Amino acid sequence: MRRRHSRRESETVKPRIVVIDDELAVCDLLGKVLTRAGFEVDVAQTGEAGLALFDGADIACLVVDKLLPSMTGLEVMSAVRRRFPRTAIVLMTAHPEPLSLDAERPEVVLVKPFKNLAAIEDAVREAMDAAERSTPLTLLRDRVVAVVSEISPIRRKRD
């Protein structure tokens, strides 16, 4: 199921957020809170439906539950990182635990149940700020990986 929360189409362009949670009540709550905070919000209840929302869209932030049916929040996060490295990510979970890989790390972990409604908006804004600050580093890292990939076959031929 996919829903869109938006105030008025005629308003200026707002940052677009994708919320993915299998609980409809959580999707509706986050949609309302983030719309009131000035974002355009799309919601989905599965990872696959949520990823489809990224096609042809400029998504500023993904808010995803860690435990989803068929495709986990970590799998969604990994797919978004590969295809849209500049998108900020907020991972929601009732069971926060350390994540093993840097690539899996979201900008923000939002613990459920939420402390208050302001915590939701704060988490999204913090994630977007962190993603914006890291963009030059992400671009540099991607370039280094590309150069190393180009050099590796040359080094193997010499050795």
Protein backbone atom coordinates (compact mmCIF):
# COMPACT_ATOMS: atom_id res chain seq x y z
CA MET A 1 0.00 0.00 0.00
CA ARG A 2 1.25 3.44 -0.89
CA ARG A 3 -0.03 6.77 0.35
CA ARG A 4 1.10 10.29 -0.21
CA HIS A 5 0.88 13.00 2.42
CA SER A 6 1.15 16.54 1.11
CA ARG A 7 -0.38 19.88 1.93
CA ARG A 8 -0.88 21.64 -1.39
CA GLU A 9 0.65 20.92 -4.75
CA SER A 10 0.99 24.66 -5.49
CA GLU A 11 3.40 25.29 -2.60
CA THR A 12 7.14 25.54 -3.17
CA VAL A 13 9.17 22.37 -3.58
CA LYS A 14 9.69 20.67 -0.24
CA PRO A 15 12.19 18.00 0.71
CA ARG A 16 10.68 14.62 -0.07
CA ILE A 17 10.71 11.85 2.54
CA VAL A 18 9.95 8.15 2.04
CA VAL A 19 8.64 6.31 5.11
CA ILE A 20 8.61 2.50 5.08
CA ASP A 21 6.98 0.60 7.93
CA ASP A 22 4.73 -2.45 7.87
CA GLU A 23 2.48 -0.90 10.52
CA LEU A 24 -0.09 1.36 8.86
CA ALA A 25 -0.57 3.38 12.07
CA VAL A 26 3.16 4.24 12.15
CA CYS A 27 3.09 5.22 8.46
CA ASP A 28 0.10 7.49 9.05
CA LEU A 29 1.62 9.05 12.18
CA LEU A 30 4.96 9.78 10.52
CA GLY A 31 3.22 11.04 7.40
CA LYS A 32 1.17 13.54 9.39
CA VAL A 33 4.03 14.68 11.65
CA LEU A 34 6.49 15.16 8.78
CA THR A 35 3.92 16.85 6.53
CA ARG A 36 3.18 19.35 9.30
CA ALA A 37 6.94 19.88 9.60
CA GLY A 38 7.06 21.00 5.97
CA PHE A 39 8.07 17.85 4.11
CA GLU A 40 6.41 16.03 1.24
CA VAL A 41 5.92 12.46 2.44
CA ASP A 42 5.33 9.16 0.65
CA VAL A 43 4.69 6.02 2.69
CA ALA A 44 4.91 2.32 1.90
CA GLN A 45 4.41 -0.83 3.94
CA THR A 46 7.01 -3.03 2.23
CA GLY A 47 10.61 -2.53 1.24
CA GLU A 48 9.86 -3.27 -2.40
CA ALA A 49 7.04 -0.70 -2.55
CA GLY A 50 9.23 1.84 -0.78
CA LEU A 51 12.13 1.36 -3.18
CA ALA A 52 9.74 1.87 -6.11
CA LEU A 53 9.03 5.36 -4.76
CA PHE A 54 12.65 6.31 -5.48
CA ASP A 55 12.27 5.77 -9.25
CA GLY A 56 12.52 9.14 -10.97
CA ALA A 57 12.25 11.04 -7.69
CA ASP A 58 14.61 13.20 -5.69
CA ILE A 59 14.29 11.75 -2.19
CA ALA A 60 15.97 13.73 0.59
CA CYS A 61 15.49 11.16 3.35
CA LEU A 62 14.45 7.55 3.90
CA VAL A 63 12.81 6.64 7.21
CA VAL A 64 12.68 2.84 7.39
CA ASP A 65 11.78 0.27 10.03
CA LYS A 66 14.49 -2.31 10.67
CA LEU A 67 12.08 -5.26 10.70
CA LEU A 68 9.95 -5.54 7.57
CA PRO A 69 8.38 -8.59 5.94
CA SER A 70 10.20 -10.14 2.95
CA MET A 71 12.90 -7.44 2.75
CA THR A 72 14.50 -6.09 5.93
CA GLY A 73 15.10 -2.43 6.62
CA LEU A 74 18.85 -3.09 6.40
CA GLU A 75 18.39 -4.54 2.90
CA VAL A 76 16.35 -1.49 1.89
CA MET A 77 19.01 0.77 3.38
CA SER A 78 21.77 -1.03 1.48
CA ALA A 79 19.87 -0.74 -1.82
CA VAL A 80 19.31 2.98 -1.26
CA ARG A 81 22.98 3.55 -0.33
CA ARG A 82 24.10 1.86 -3.57
CA ARG A 83 21.69 3.69 -5.88
CA PHE A 84 21.20 7.00 -4.05
CA PRO A 85 24.25 7.66 -1.85
CA ARG A 86 23.20 11.24 -1.04
CA THR A 87 19.87 10.22 0.51
CA ALA A 88 19.81 10.59 4.30
CA ILE A 89 18.62 7.53 6.23
CA VAL A 90 16.80 7.21 9.55
CA LEU A 91 16.51 3.62 10.79
CA MET A 92 13.63 2.96 13.18
CA THR A 93 13.91 0.07 15.62
CA ALA A 94 12.59 -1.10 18.95
CA HIS A 95 15.83 -3.04 19.48
CA PRO A 96 18.82 -0.76 18.85
CA GLU A 97 22.09 -2.61 18.50
CA PRO A 98 25.43 -1.80 16.90
CA LEU A 99 25.50 -2.20 13.12
CA SER A 100 28.39 -4.19 11.75
CA LEU A 101 29.38 -2.37 8.57
CA ASP A 102 29.96 1.31 7.87
CA ALA A 103 27.89 0.96 4.70
CA GLU A 104 24.95 -0.16 6.83
CA ARG A 105 25.10 2.78 9.20
CA PRO A 106 22.19 5.16 8.96
CA GLU A 107 22.71 8.83 9.77
CA VAL A 108 20.28 8.44 12.70
CA VAL A 109 18.71 5.55 14.64
CA LEU A 110 15.24 6.42 15.93
CA VAL A 111 14.17 4.18 18.81
CA LYS A 112 10.57 2.99 19.01
CA PRO A 113 8.39 3.77 20.80
CA PHE A 114 9.09 7.42 20.02
CA LYS A 115 9.80 9.69 23.01
CA ASN A 116 7.55 12.35 21.51
CA LEU A 117 6.44 13.58 18.11
CA ALA A 118 9.20 16.20 17.97
CA ALA A 119 11.77 13.37 18.08
CA ILE A 120 10.57 12.22 14.65
CA GLU A 121 11.11 15.59 12.99
CA ASP A 122 14.40 16.07 14.86
CA ALA A 123 15.70 12.69 13.62
CA VAL A 124 14.88 13.51 9.99
CA ARG A 125 16.46 16.97 10.14
CA GLU A 126 19.56 15.59 11.90
CA ALA A 127 19.92 12.85 9.28
CA MET A 128 19.58 15.32 6.41
CA ASP A 129 22.16 17.63 7.97
CA ALA A 130 24.59 14.73 8.51
CA ALA A 131 24.12 13.49 4.94
CA GLU A 132 24.73 16.97 3.56
CA ARG A 133 27.95 17.31 5.58
CA SER A 134 29.22 13.91 4.41
CA THR A 135 28.46 14.37 0.70
CA PRO A 136 31.98 15.61 -0.24
CA LEU A 137 33.47 12.66 1.67
CA THR A 138 31.12 10.24 -0.08
CA LEU A 139 32.09 11.61 -3.47
CA LEU A 140 35.79 11.38 -2.59
CA ARG A 141 35.41 7.80 -1.32
CA ASP A 142 33.56 6.79 -4.50
CA ARG A 143 36.30 8.33 -6.63
CA VAL A 144 39.05 6.54 -4.67
CA VAL A 145 37.22 3.22 -5.09
CA ALA A 146 36.88 3.85 -8.83
CA VAL A 147 40.59 4.69 -9.20
CA VAL A 148 41.65 1.62 -7.20
CA SER A 149 39.39 -0.53 -9.38
CA GLU A 150 41.06 0.88 -12.49
CA ILE A 151 44.57 0.34 -11.11
CA SER A 152 44.05 -3.18 -9.71
CA PRO A 153 44.10 -4.99 -13.10
CA ILE A 154 47.21 -3.04 -14.12
CA ARG A 155 49.03 -4.00 -10.90
CA ARG A 156 48.08 -7.66 -11.34
CA LYS A 157 49.52 -7.69 -14.87
CA ARG A 158 52.83 -6.24 -13.60
CA ASP A 159 53.12 -8.69 -10.72
